PDB file of all heavy atoms in Angstrom:
ATOM      1  N   ARG A   1     100.246  93.659  92.240  1.00  0.00           N
ATOM      2  CA  ARG A   1      99.607  94.035  93.497  1.00  0.00           C
ATOM      3  C   ARG A   1     100.403  93.424  94.640  1.00  0.00           C
ATOM      4  O   ARG A   1     100.682  92.220  94.667  1.00  0.00           O
ATOM      5  CB  ARG A   1      98.164  93.555  93.555  1.00  0.00           C
ATOM      6  CG  ARG A   1      97.274  94.124  92.461  1.00  0.00           C
ATOM      7  CD  ARG A   1      95.817  94.011  92.858  1.00  0.00           C
ATOM      8  NE  ARG A   1      95.464  95.042  93.821  1.00  0.00           N
ATOM      9  CZ  ARG A   1      94.397  94.979  94.629  1.00  0.00           C
ATOM     10  NH1 ARG A   1      93.619  93.909  94.600  1.00  0.00           N
ATOM     11  NH2 ARG A   1      94.118  95.949  95.452  1.00  0.00           N
ATOM     12  N   VAL A   2     100.769  94.252  95.606  1.00  0.00           N
ATOM     13  CA  VAL A   2     101.579  93.827  96.744  1.00  0.00           C
ATOM     14  C   VAL A   2     100.787  94.083  98.017  1.00  0.00           C
ATOM     15  O   VAL A   2     100.123  95.112  98.150  1.00  0.00           O
ATOM     16  CB  VAL A   2     102.924  94.583  96.767  1.00  0.00           C
ATOM     17  CG1 VAL A   2     103.696  94.269  98.043  1.00  0.00           C
ATOM     18  CG2 VAL A   2     103.753  94.220  95.541  1.00  0.00           C
ATOM     19  N   ARG A   3     100.863  93.149  98.947  1.00  0.00           N
ATOM     20  CA  ARG A   3     100.117  93.267 100.192  1.00  0.00           C
ATOM     21  C   ARG A   3     100.955  93.960 101.262  1.00  0.00           C
ATOM     22  O   ARG A   3     102.125  93.643 101.476  1.00  0.00           O
ATOM     23  CB  ARG A   3      99.694  91.876 100.676  1.00  0.00           C
ATOM     24  CG  ARG A   3      98.927  91.870 101.992  1.00  0.00           C
ATOM     25  CD  ARG A   3      98.463  90.470 102.355  1.00  0.00           C
ATOM     26  NE  ARG A   3      99.506  89.483 102.250  1.00  0.00           N
ATOM     27  CZ  ARG A   3     100.451  89.290 103.171  1.00  0.00           C
ATOM     28  NH1 ARG A   3     100.488  90.039 104.237  1.00  0.00           N
ATOM     29  NH2 ARG A   3     101.350  88.338 103.011  1.00  0.00           N
ATOM     30  N   ASN A   4     100.355  94.911 101.936  1.00  0.00           N
ATOM     31  CA  ASN A   4     100.980  95.551 103.089  1.00  0.00           C
ATOM     32  C   ASN A   4     100.979  94.615 104.289  1.00  0.00           C
ATOM     33  O   ASN A   4     100.133  93.737 104.384  1.00  0.00           O
ATOM     34  CB  ASN A   4     100.209  96.834 103.439  1.00  0.00           C
ATOM     35  CG  ASN A   4     100.681  98.032 102.644  1.00  0.00           C
ATOM     36  OD1 ASN A   4     101.886  98.277 102.538  1.00  0.00           O
ATOM     37  ND2 ASN A   4      99.739  98.785 102.078  1.00  0.00           N
ATOM     38  N   PRO A   5     101.941  94.807 105.219  1.00  0.00           N
ATOM     39  CA  PRO A   5     102.980  95.832 105.242  1.00  0.00           C
ATOM     40  C   PRO A   5     104.191  95.446 104.406  1.00  0.00           C
ATOM     41  O   PRO A   5     104.413  94.263 104.144  1.00  0.00           O
ATOM     42  CB  PRO A   5     103.348  95.907 106.719  1.00  0.00           C
ATOM     43  CG  PRO A   5     103.133  94.506 107.208  1.00  0.00           C
ATOM     44  CD  PRO A   5     101.933  93.989 106.457  1.00  0.00           C
ATOM     45  N   ILE A   6     105.002  96.444 104.031  1.00  0.00           N
ATOM     46  CA  ILE A   6     106.244  96.150 103.311  1.00  0.00           C
ATOM     47  C   ILE A   6     107.397  95.875 104.276  1.00  0.00           C
ATOM     48  O   ILE A   6     108.358  95.202 103.905  1.00  0.00           O
ATOM     49  CB  ILE A   6     106.618  97.272 102.330  1.00  0.00           C
ATOM     50  CG1 ILE A   6     106.647  98.636 103.031  1.00  0.00           C
ATOM     51  CG2 ILE A   6     105.656  97.295 101.142  1.00  0.00           C
ATOM     52  CD1 ILE A   6     107.195  99.762 102.169  1.00  0.00           C
ATOM     53  N   LEU A   7     107.304  96.374 105.496  1.00  0.00           N
ATOM     54  CA  LEU A   7     108.258  96.020 106.561  1.00  0.00           C
ATOM     55  C   LEU A   7     107.438  95.480 107.728  1.00  0.00           C
ATOM     56  O   LEU A   7     106.975  96.233 108.583  1.00  0.00           O
ATOM     57  CB  LEU A   7     109.074  97.233 107.008  1.00  0.00           C
ATOM     58  CG  LEU A   7     109.987  97.892 105.976  1.00  0.00           C
ATOM     59  CD1 LEU A   7     110.745  99.063 106.601  1.00  0.00           C
ATOM     60  CD2 LEU A   7     110.963  96.893 105.378  1.00  0.00           C
ATOM     61  N   PRO A   8     107.219  94.156 107.785  1.00  0.00           N
ATOM     62  CA  PRO A   8     106.371  93.587 108.832  1.00  0.00           C
ATOM     63  C   PRO A   8     107.062  93.563 110.186  1.00  0.00           C
ATOM     64  O   PRO A   8     108.293  93.572 110.282  1.00  0.00           O
ATOM     65  CB  PRO A   8     106.111  92.168 108.312  1.00  0.00           C
ATOM     66  CG  PRO A   8     107.314  91.850 107.484  1.00  0.00           C
ATOM     67  CD  PRO A   8     107.721  93.139 106.847  1.00  0.00           C
ATOM     68  N   GLY A   9     106.247  93.508 111.232  1.00  0.00           N
ATOM     69  CA  GLY A   9     106.799  93.520 112.575  1.00  0.00           C
ATOM     70  C   GLY A   9     107.183  94.929 112.988  1.00  0.00           C
ATOM     71  O   GLY A   9     106.904  95.910 112.296  1.00  0.00           O
ATOM     72  N   PHE A  10     107.836  95.029 114.112  1.00  0.00           N
ATOM     73  CA  PHE A  10     108.189  96.311 114.734  1.00  0.00           C
ATOM     74  C   PHE A  10     109.100  97.137 113.813  1.00  0.00           C
ATOM     75  O   PHE A  10     110.311  96.988 113.797  1.00  0.00           O
ATOM     76  CB  PHE A  10     108.861  95.992 116.080  1.00  0.00           C
ATOM     77  CG  PHE A  10     109.629  97.109 116.716  1.00  0.00           C
ATOM     78  CD1 PHE A  10     109.143  98.398 116.740  1.00  0.00           C
ATOM     79  CD2 PHE A  10     110.838  96.833 117.334  1.00  0.00           C
ATOM     80  CE1 PHE A  10     109.866  99.419 117.347  1.00  0.00           C
ATOM     81  CE2 PHE A  10     111.564  97.839 117.946  1.00  0.00           C
ATOM     82  CZ  PHE A  10     111.077  99.138 117.956  1.00  0.00           C
ATOM     83  N   ASN A  11     108.468  98.023 113.022  1.00  0.00           N
ATOM     84  CA  ASN A  11     109.174  98.959 112.136  1.00  0.00           C
ATOM     85  C   ASN A  11     108.333 100.230 111.988  1.00  0.00           C
ATOM     86  O   ASN A  11     107.760 100.490 110.932  1.00  0.00           O
ATOM     87  CB  ASN A  11     109.414  98.333 110.757  1.00  0.00           C
ATOM     88  CG  ASN A  11     110.653  97.466 110.708  1.00  0.00           C
ATOM     89  OD1 ASN A  11     111.780  97.965 110.771  1.00  0.00           O
ATOM     90  ND2 ASN A  11     110.453  96.168 110.623  1.00  0.00           N
ATOM     91  N   PRO A  12     108.257 101.053 113.046  1.00  0.00           N
ATOM     92  CA  PRO A  12     107.384 102.222 113.002  1.00  0.00           C
ATOM     93  C   PRO A  12     108.089 103.495 112.529  1.00  0.00           C
ATOM     94  O   PRO A  12     109.318 103.527 112.369  1.00  0.00           O
ATOM     95  CB  PRO A  12     106.969 102.368 114.464  1.00  0.00           C
ATOM     96  CG  PRO A  12     108.177 101.908 115.220  1.00  0.00           C
ATOM     97  CD  PRO A  12     108.816 100.819 114.377  1.00  0.00           C
ATOM     98  N   ASP A  13     107.295 104.530 112.322  1.00  0.00           N
ATOM     99  CA  ASP A  13     107.779 105.890 112.020  1.00  0.00           C
ATOM    100  C   ASP A  13     108.666 105.938 110.779  1.00  0.00           C
ATOM    101  O   ASP A  13     109.776 106.478 110.813  1.00  0.00           O
ATOM    102  CB  ASP A  13     108.557 106.462 113.217  1.00  0.00           C
ATOM    103  CG  ASP A  13     107.803 106.340 114.527  1.00  0.00           C
ATOM    104  OD1 ASP A  13     106.573 106.484 114.504  1.00  0.00           O
ATOM    105  OD2 ASP A  13     108.441 106.094 115.559  1.00  0.00           O
ATOM    106  N   PRO A  14     108.208 105.417 109.648  1.00  0.00           N
ATOM    107  CA  PRO A  14     109.107 105.316 108.486  1.00  0.00           C
ATOM    108  C   PRO A  14     109.460 106.676 107.886  1.00  0.00           C
ATOM    109  O   PRO A  14     108.615 107.551 107.714  1.00  0.00           O
ATOM    110  CB  PRO A  14     108.287 104.484 107.492  1.00  0.00           C
ATOM    111  CG  PRO A  14     106.853 104.767 107.857  1.00  0.00           C
ATOM    112  CD  PRO A  14     106.859 104.888 109.359  1.00  0.00           C
ATOM    113  N   SER A  15     110.736 106.825 107.570  1.00  0.00           N
ATOM    114  CA  SER A  15     111.242 107.967 106.804  1.00  0.00           C
ATOM    115  C   SER A  15     111.834 107.408 105.528  1.00  0.00           C
ATOM    116  O   SER A  15     112.773 106.607 105.569  1.00  0.00           O
ATOM    117  CB  SER A  15     112.307 108.713 107.610  1.00  0.00           C
ATOM    118  OG  SER A  15     112.962 109.692 106.819  1.00  0.00           O
ATOM    119  N   ILE A  16     111.283 107.798 104.371  1.00  0.00           N
ATOM    120  CA  ILE A  16     111.695 107.202 103.097  1.00  0.00           C
ATOM    121  C   ILE A  16     112.490 108.204 102.269  1.00  0.00           C
ATOM    122  O   ILE A  16     112.274 109.416 102.336  1.00  0.00           O
ATOM    123  CB  ILE A  16     110.473 106.686 102.301  1.00  0.00           C
ATOM    124  CG1 ILE A  16     110.928 105.800 101.129  1.00  0.00           C
ATOM    125  CG2 ILE A  16     109.575 107.812 101.849  1.00  0.00           C
ATOM    126  CD1 ILE A  16     109.814 104.999 100.486  1.00  0.00           C
ATOM    127  N   LEU A  17     113.411 107.660 101.469  1.00  0.00           N
ATOM    128  CA  LEU A  17     114.333 108.474 100.677  1.00  0.00           C
ATOM    129  C   LEU A  17     114.692 107.715  99.422  1.00  0.00           C
ATOM    130  O   LEU A  17     114.856 106.492  99.445  1.00  0.00           O
ATOM    131  CB  LEU A  17     115.605 108.735 101.506  1.00  0.00           C
ATOM    132  CG  LEU A  17     116.828 109.298 100.799  1.00  0.00           C
ATOM    133  CD1 LEU A  17     116.588 110.729 100.353  1.00  0.00           C
ATOM    134  CD2 LEU A  17     118.045 109.219 101.714  1.00  0.00           C
ATOM    135  N   ARG A  18     114.803 108.443  98.293  1.00  0.00           N
ATOM    136  CA  ARG A  18     115.356 107.862  97.064  1.00  0.00           C
ATOM    137  C   ARG A  18     116.610 108.605  96.670  1.00  0.00           C
ATOM    138  O   ARG A  18     116.624 109.844  96.634  1.00  0.00           O
ATOM    139  CB  ARG A  18     114.342 107.909  95.916  1.00  0.00           C
ATOM    140  CG  ARG A  18     114.914 107.319  94.605  1.00  0.00           C
ATOM    141  CD  ARG A  18     113.869 107.297  93.487  1.00  0.00           C
ATOM    142  NE  ARG A  18     113.438 108.621  93.083  1.00  0.00           N
ATOM    143  CZ  ARG A  18     114.076 109.391  92.182  1.00  0.00           C
ATOM    144  NH1 ARG A  18     115.212 108.963  91.620  1.00  0.00           N
ATOM    145  NH2 ARG A  18     113.602 110.577  91.861  1.00  0.00           N
ATOM    146  N   VAL A  19     117.672 107.841  96.394  1.00  0.00           N
ATOM    147  CA  VAL A  19     118.911 108.396  95.862  1.00  0.00           C
ATOM    148  C   VAL A  19     119.211 107.624  94.579  1.00  0.00           C
ATOM    149  O   VAL A  19     119.592 106.453  94.632  1.00  0.00           O
ATOM    150  CB  VAL A  19     120.081 108.268  96.855  1.00  0.00           C
ATOM    151  CG1 VAL A  19     121.358 108.873  96.261  1.00  0.00           C
ATOM    152  CG2 VAL A  19     119.740 108.962  98.171  1.00  0.00           C
ATOM    153  N   GLY A  20     119.000 108.268  93.421  1.00  0.00           N
ATOM    154  CA  GLY A  20     119.134 107.558  92.159  1.00  0.00           C
ATOM    155  C   GLY A  20     118.070 106.492  92.030  1.00  0.00           C
ATOM    156  O   GLY A  20     116.873 106.772  92.115  1.00  0.00           O
ATOM    157  N   ASP A  21     118.497 105.240  91.857  1.00  0.00           N
ATOM    158  CA  ASP A  21     117.565 104.121  91.750  1.00  0.00           C
ATOM    159  C   ASP A  21     117.400 103.371  93.067  1.00  0.00           C
ATOM    160  O   ASP A  21     116.777 102.302  93.106  1.00  0.00           O
ATOM    161  CB  ASP A  21     118.038 103.141  90.667  1.00  0.00           C
ATOM    162  CG  ASP A  21     118.010 103.758  89.285  1.00  0.00           C
ATOM    163  OD1 ASP A  21     117.127 104.604  89.039  1.00  0.00           O
ATOM    164  OD2 ASP A  21     118.876 103.403  88.452  1.00  0.00           O
ATOM    165  N   ASP A  22     117.956 103.908  94.113  1.00  0.00           N
ATOM    166  CA  ASP A  22     117.939 103.226  95.409  1.00  0.00           C
ATOM    167  C   ASP A  22     116.971 103.906  96.365  1.00  0.00           C
ATOM    168  O   ASP A  22     117.004 105.131  96.534  1.00  0.00           O
ATOM    169  CB  ASP A  22     119.336 103.218  96.035  1.00  0.00           C
ATOM    170  CG  ASP A  22     120.337 102.436  95.219  1.00  0.00           C
ATOM    171  OD1 ASP A  22     120.193 101.203  95.153  1.00  0.00           O
ATOM    172  OD2 ASP A  22     121.260 103.058  94.645  1.00  0.00           O
ATOM    173  N   TYR A  23     116.129 103.096  97.007  1.00  0.00           N
ATOM    174  CA  TYR A  23     115.217 103.588  98.027  1.00  0.00           C
ATOM    175  C   TYR A  23     115.706 103.131  99.405  1.00  0.00           C
ATOM    176  O   TYR A  23     116.223 102.019  99.562  1.00  0.00           O
ATOM    177  CB  TYR A  23     113.809 103.039  97.806  1.00  0.00           C
ATOM    178  CG  TYR A  23     113.163 103.459  96.508  1.00  0.00           C
ATOM    179  CD1 TYR A  23     113.250 102.651  95.373  1.00  0.00           C
ATOM    180  CD2 TYR A  23     112.451 104.650  96.412  1.00  0.00           C
ATOM    181  CE1 TYR A  23     112.652 103.028  94.183  1.00  0.00           C
ATOM    182  CE2 TYR A  23     111.838 105.041  95.222  1.00  0.00           C
ATOM    183  CZ  TYR A  23     111.950 104.218  94.110  1.00  0.00           C
ATOM    184  OH  TYR A  23     111.357 104.589  92.922  1.00  0.00           O
ATOM    185  N   TYR A  24     115.509 103.998 100.394  1.00  0.00           N
ATOM    186  CA  TYR A  24     115.877 103.672 101.769  1.00  0.00           C
ATOM    187  C   TYR A  24     114.730 104.062 102.695  1.00  0.00           C
ATOM    188  O   TYR A  24     114.073 105.084 102.495  1.00  0.00           O
ATOM    189  CB  TYR A  24     117.147 104.415 102.190  1.00  0.00           C
ATOM    190  CG  TYR A  24     118.346 104.135 101.321  1.00  0.00           C
ATOM    191  CD1 TYR A  24     118.694 105.009 100.295  1.00  0.00           C
ATOM    192  CD2 TYR A  24     119.118 103.002 101.514  1.00  0.00           C
ATOM    193  CE1 TYR A  24     119.790 104.757  99.485  1.00  0.00           C
ATOM    194  CE2 TYR A  24     120.223 102.735 100.713  1.00  0.00           C
ATOM    195  CZ  TYR A  24     120.540 103.616  99.694  1.00  0.00           C
ATOM    196  OH  TYR A  24     121.629 103.356  98.888  1.00  0.00           O
ATOM    197  N   ILE A  25     114.502 103.242 103.714  1.00  0.00           N
ATOM    198  CA  ILE A  25     113.542 103.564 104.768  1.00  0.00           C
ATOM    199  C   ILE A  25     114.246 103.429 106.112  1.00  0.00           C
ATOM    200  O   ILE A  25     114.850 102.386 106.408  1.00  0.00           O
ATOM    201  CB  ILE A  25     112.314 102.640 104.739  1.00  0.00           C
ATOM    202  CG1 ILE A  25     111.441 102.924 103.510  1.00  0.00           C
ATOM    203  CG2 ILE A  25     111.473 102.830 106.014  1.00  0.00           C
ATOM    204  CD1 ILE A  25     110.218 102.029 103.413  1.00  0.00           C
ATOM    205  N   ALA A  26     114.172 104.481 106.921  1.00  0.00           N
ATOM    206  CA  ALA A  26     114.666 104.438 108.293  1.00  0.00           C
ATOM    207  C   ALA A  26     113.484 104.335 109.240  1.00  0.00           C
ATOM    208  O   ALA A  26     112.467 105.025 109.055  1.00  0.00           O
ATOM    209  CB  ALA A  26     115.480 105.691 108.599  1.00  0.00           C
ATOM    210  N   THR A  27     113.590 103.481 110.258  1.00  0.00           N
ATOM    211  CA  THR A  27     112.505 103.308 111.223  1.00  0.00           C
ATOM    212  C   THR A  27     113.040 103.375 112.647  1.00  0.00           C
ATOM    213  O   THR A  27     114.227 103.172 112.902  1.00  0.00           O
ATOM    214  CB  THR A  27     111.770 101.973 111.014  1.00  0.00           C
ATOM    215  OG1 THR A  27     112.717 100.892 111.050  1.00  0.00           O
ATOM    216  CG2 THR A  27     111.028 101.957 109.698  1.00  0.00           C
ATOM    217  N   SER A  28     112.133 103.631 113.580  1.00  0.00           N
ATOM    218  CA  SER A  28     112.487 103.785 114.991  1.00  0.00           C
ATOM    219  C   SER A  28     112.870 102.440 115.602  1.00  0.00           C
ATOM    220  O   SER A  28     112.319 101.396 115.253  1.00  0.00           O
ATOM    221  CB  SER A  28     111.311 104.368 115.770  1.00  0.00           C
ATOM    222  OG  SER A  28     110.953 105.639 115.309  1.00  0.00           O
ATOM    223  N   THR A  29     113.785 102.504 116.579  1.00  0.00           N
ATOM    224  CA  THR A  29     114.186 101.297 117.316  1.00  0.00           C
ATOM    225  C   THR A  29     113.967 101.430 118.818  1.00  0.00           C
ATOM    226  O   THR A  29     114.157 100.465 119.550  1.00  0.00           O
ATOM    227  CB  THR A  29     115.660 100.974 117.040  1.00  0.00           C
ATOM    228  OG1 THR A  29     116.441 102.173 117.095  1.00  0.00           O
ATOM    229  CG2 THR A  29     115.835 100.322 115.680  1.00  0.00           C
ATOM    230  N   PHE A  30     113.639 102.612 119.328  1.00  0.00           N
ATOM    231  CA  PHE A  30     113.362 102.845 120.734  1.00  0.00           C
ATOM    232  C   PHE A  30     114.510 102.323 121.594  1.00  0.00           C
ATOM    233  O   PHE A  30     115.657 102.686 121.353  1.00  0.00           O
ATOM    234  CB  PHE A  30     111.998 102.279 121.106  1.00  0.00           C
ATOM    235  CG  PHE A  30     110.896 103.033 120.398  1.00  0.00           C
ATOM    236  CD1 PHE A  30     110.466 102.653 119.127  1.00  0.00           C
ATOM    237  CD2 PHE A  30     110.327 104.145 120.978  1.00  0.00           C
ATOM    238  CE1 PHE A  30     109.486 103.377 118.450  1.00  0.00           C
ATOM    239  CE2 PHE A  30     109.345 104.874 120.305  1.00  0.00           C
ATOM    240  CZ  PHE A  30     108.937 104.496 119.042  1.00  0.00           C
ATOM    241  N   GLU A  31     114.259 101.437 122.582  1.00  0.00           N
ATOM    242  CA  GLU A  31     115.329 101.050 123.506  1.00  0.00           C
ATOM    243  C   GLU A  31     116.229  99.943 122.977  1.00  0.00           C
ATOM    244  O   GLU A  31     117.161  99.515 123.667  1.00  0.00           O
ATOM    245  CB  GLU A  31     114.740 100.632 124.862  1.00  0.00           C
ATOM    246  CG  GLU A  31     113.908  99.357 124.839  1.00  0.00           C
ATOM    247  CD  GLU A  31     112.417  99.639 124.712  1.00  0.00           C
ATOM    248  OE1 GLU A  31     112.054 100.612 124.031  1.00  0.00           O
ATOM    249  OE2 GLU A  31     111.618  98.876 125.296  1.00  0.00           O
ATOM    250  N   TRP A  32     115.997  99.483 121.765  1.00  0.00           N
ATOM    251  CA  TRP A  32     116.798  98.397 121.205  1.00  0.00           C
ATOM    252  C   TRP A  32     118.059  98.941 120.514  1.00  0.00           C
ATOM    253  O   TRP A  32     117.999  99.914 119.788  1.00  0.00           O
ATOM    254  CB  TRP A  32     115.961  97.562 120.237  1.00  0.00           C
ATOM    255  CG  TRP A  32     114.894  96.791 120.950  1.00  0.00           C
ATOM    256  CD1 TRP A  32     113.625  97.183 121.222  1.00  0.00           C
ATOM    257  CD2 TRP A  32     115.034  95.483 121.530  1.00  0.00           C
ATOM    258  NE1 TRP A  32     112.942  96.218 121.916  1.00  0.00           N
ATOM    259  CE2 TRP A  32     113.793  95.159 122.120  1.00  0.00           C
ATOM    260  CE3 TRP A  32     116.077  94.564 121.601  1.00  0.00           C
ATOM    261  CZ2 TRP A  32     113.581  93.953 122.787  1.00  0.00           C
ATOM    262  CZ3 TRP A  32     115.855  93.360 122.252  1.00  0.00           C
ATOM    263  CH2 TRP A  32     114.625  93.060 122.831  1.00  0.00           C
ATOM    264  N   PHE A  33     119.164  98.284 120.764  1.00  0.00           N
ATOM    265  CA  PHE A  33     120.481  98.694 120.260  1.00  0.00           C
ATOM    266  C   PHE A  33     120.991  97.652 119.258  1.00  0.00           C
ATOM    267  O   PHE A  33     120.756  96.455 119.462  1.00  0.00           O
ATOM    268  CB  PHE A  33     121.464  98.794 121.448  1.00  0.00           C
ATOM    269  CG  PHE A  33     122.671  99.650 121.192  1.00  0.00           C
ATOM    270  CD1 PHE A  33     122.702 100.977 121.598  1.00  0.00           C
ATOM    271  CD2 PHE A  33     123.774  99.128 120.535  1.00  0.00           C
ATOM    272  CE1 PHE A  33     123.812 101.764 121.359  1.00  0.00           C
ATOM    273  CE2 PHE A  33     124.884  99.907 120.290  1.00  0.00           C
ATOM    274  CZ  PHE A  33     124.911 101.233 120.703  1.00  0.00           C
ATOM    275  N   PRO A  34     121.714  98.079 118.200  1.00  0.00           N
ATOM    276  CA  PRO A  34     122.045  99.435 117.761  1.00  0.00           C
ATOM    277  C   PRO A  34     120.814 100.210 117.301  1.00  0.00           C
ATOM    278  O   PRO A  34     119.763  99.634 117.030  1.00  0.00           O
ATOM    279  CB  PRO A  34     123.009  99.199 116.592  1.00  0.00           C
ATOM    280  CG  PRO A  34     123.513  97.811 116.746  1.00  0.00           C
ATOM    281  CD  PRO A  34     122.372  97.054 117.358  1.00  0.00           C
ATOM    282  N   GLY A  35     120.961 101.522 117.196  1.00  0.00           N
ATOM    283  CA  GLY A  35     119.828 102.382 116.956  1.00  0.00           C
ATOM    284  C   GLY A  35     119.545 102.649 115.490  1.00  0.00           C
ATOM    285  O   GLY A  35     120.462 102.823 114.689  1.00  0.00           O
ATOM    286  N   VAL A  36     118.271 102.709 115.138  1.00  0.00           N
ATOM    287  CA  VAL A  36     117.699 102.996 113.821  1.00  0.00           C
ATOM    288  C   VAL A  36     117.914 101.823 112.866  1.00  0.00           C
ATOM    289  O   VAL A  36     119.040 101.339 112.684  1.00  0.00           O
ATOM    290  CB  VAL A  36     118.264 104.284 113.188  1.00  0.00           C
ATOM    291  CG1 VAL A  36     117.627 104.538 111.821  1.00  0.00           C
ATOM    292  CG2 VAL A  36     118.035 105.493 114.094  1.00  0.00           C
ATOM    293  N   GLN A  37     116.849 101.366 112.262  1.00  0.00           N
ATOM    294  CA  GLN A  37     116.947 100.370 111.188  1.00  0.00           C
ATOM    295  C   GLN A  37     116.838 101.083 109.843  1.00  0.00           C
ATOM    296  O   GLN A  37     115.947 101.908 109.649  1.00  0.00           O
ATOM    297  CB  GLN A  37     115.821  99.339 111.292  1.00  0.00           C
ATOM    298  CG  GLN A  37     115.878  98.487 112.543  1.00  0.00           C
ATOM    299  CD  GLN A  37     115.426  97.066 112.290  1.00  0.00           C
ATOM    300  OE1 GLN A  37     116.177  96.126 112.532  1.00  0.00           O
ATOM    301  NE2 GLN A  37     114.226  96.882 111.801  1.00  0.00           N
ATOM    302  N   ILE A  38     117.740 100.759 108.915  1.00  0.00           N
ATOM    303  CA  ILE A  38     117.651 101.295 107.563  1.00  0.00           C
ATOM    304  C   ILE A  38     117.560 100.132 106.588  1.00  0.00           C
ATOM    305  O   ILE A  38     118.465  99.288 106.513  1.00  0.00           O
ATOM    306  CB  ILE A  38     118.840 102.203 107.213  1.00  0.00           C
ATOM    307  CG1 ILE A  38     118.884 103.408 108.167  1.00  0.00           C
ATOM    308  CG2 ILE A  38     118.734 102.683 105.765  1.00  0.00           C
ATOM    309  CD1 ILE A  38     120.037 104.359 107.908  1.00  0.00           C
ATOM    310  N   HIS A  39     116.449 100.085 105.857  1.00  0.00           N
ATOM    311  CA  HIS A  39     116.231  99.068 104.829  1.00  0.00           C
ATOM    312  C   HIS A  39     116.440  99.679 103.448  1.00  0.00           C
ATOM    313  O   HIS A  39     116.253 100.880 103.249  1.00  0.00           O
ATOM    314  CB  HIS A  39     114.812  98.508 104.917  1.00  0.00           C
ATOM    315  CG  HIS A  39     114.589  97.554 106.057  1.00  0.00           C
ATOM    316  ND1 HIS A  39     114.363  97.977 107.345  1.00  0.00           N
ATOM    317  CD2 HIS A  39     114.541  96.194 106.087  1.00  0.00           C
ATOM    318  CE1 HIS A  39     114.197  96.931 108.127  1.00  0.00           C
ATOM    319  NE2 HIS A  39     114.285  95.831 107.384  1.00  0.00           N
ATOM    320  N   HIS A  40     116.798  98.821 102.500  1.00  0.00           N
ATOM    321  CA  HIS A  40     117.077  99.251 101.124  1.00  0.00           C
ATOM    322  C   HIS A  40     116.199  98.469 100.147  1.00  0.00           C
ATOM    323  O   HIS A  40     115.874  97.292 100.370  1.00  0.00           O
ATOM    324  CB  HIS A  40     118.547  99.022 100.785  1.00  0.00           C
ATOM    325  CG  HIS A  40     118.862  99.167  99.322  1.00  0.00           C
ATOM    326  ND1 HIS A  40     119.017  98.078  98.480  1.00  0.00           N
ATOM    327  CD2 HIS A  40     119.031 100.271  98.554  1.00  0.00           C
ATOM    328  CE1 HIS A  40     119.278  98.517  97.259  1.00  0.00           C
ATOM    329  NE2 HIS A  40     119.293  99.835  97.281  1.00  0.00           N
ATOM    330  N   SER A  41     115.814  99.135  99.062  1.00  0.00           N
ATOM    331  CA  SER A  41     115.032  98.484  98.009  1.00  0.00           C
ATOM    332  C   SER A  41     115.354  99.120  96.669  1.00  0.00           C
ATOM    333  O   SER A  41     115.742 100.292  96.589  1.00  0.00           O
ATOM    334  CB  SER A  41     113.536  98.625  98.298  1.00  0.00           C
ATOM    335  OG  SER A  41     112.748  98.065  97.251  1.00  0.00           O
ATOM    336  N   LYS A  42     115.164  98.343  95.622  1.00  0.00           N
ATOM    337  CA  LYS A  42     115.258  98.854  94.257  1.00  0.00           C
ATOM    338  C   LYS A  42     113.886  99.051  93.626  1.00  0.00           C
ATOM    339  O   LYS A  42     113.775  99.682  92.572  1.00  0.00           O
ATOM    340  CB  LYS A  42     116.075  97.876  93.392  1.00  0.00           C
ATOM    341  CG  LYS A  42     117.578  97.900  93.634  1.00  0.00           C
ATOM    342  CD  LYS A  42     118.238  99.133  93.029  1.00  0.00           C
ATOM    343  CE  LYS A  42     119.752  99.045  93.059  1.00  0.00           C
ATOM    344  NZ  LYS A  42     120.383 100.266  92.462  1.00  0.00           N
ATOM    345  N   ASP A  43     112.835  98.503  94.282  1.00  0.00           N
ATOM    346  CA  ASP A  43     111.535  98.465  93.606  1.00  0.00           C
ATOM    347  C   ASP A  43     110.348  98.797  94.520  1.00  0.00           C
ATOM    348  O   ASP A  43     109.197  98.640  94.105  1.00  0.00           O
ATOM    349  CB  ASP A  43     111.323  97.088  92.979  1.00  0.00           C
ATOM    350  CG  ASP A  43     111.478  95.950  93.984  1.00  0.00           C
ATOM    351  OD1 ASP A  43     111.308  96.191  95.204  1.00  0.00           O
ATOM    352  OD2 ASP A  43     111.756  94.817  93.554  1.00  0.00           O
TER     353      ASP A  43
END
């Protein structure tokens, strides 16, 4: 059992993707540069 959130703090509008065994989530960054955060997970 895992407690939400999985990306704490400012990480809105998640877009999730799996390629093979790799998961990726892209989130909005609004006026903060560089643009778009992409996180990676195996599980």
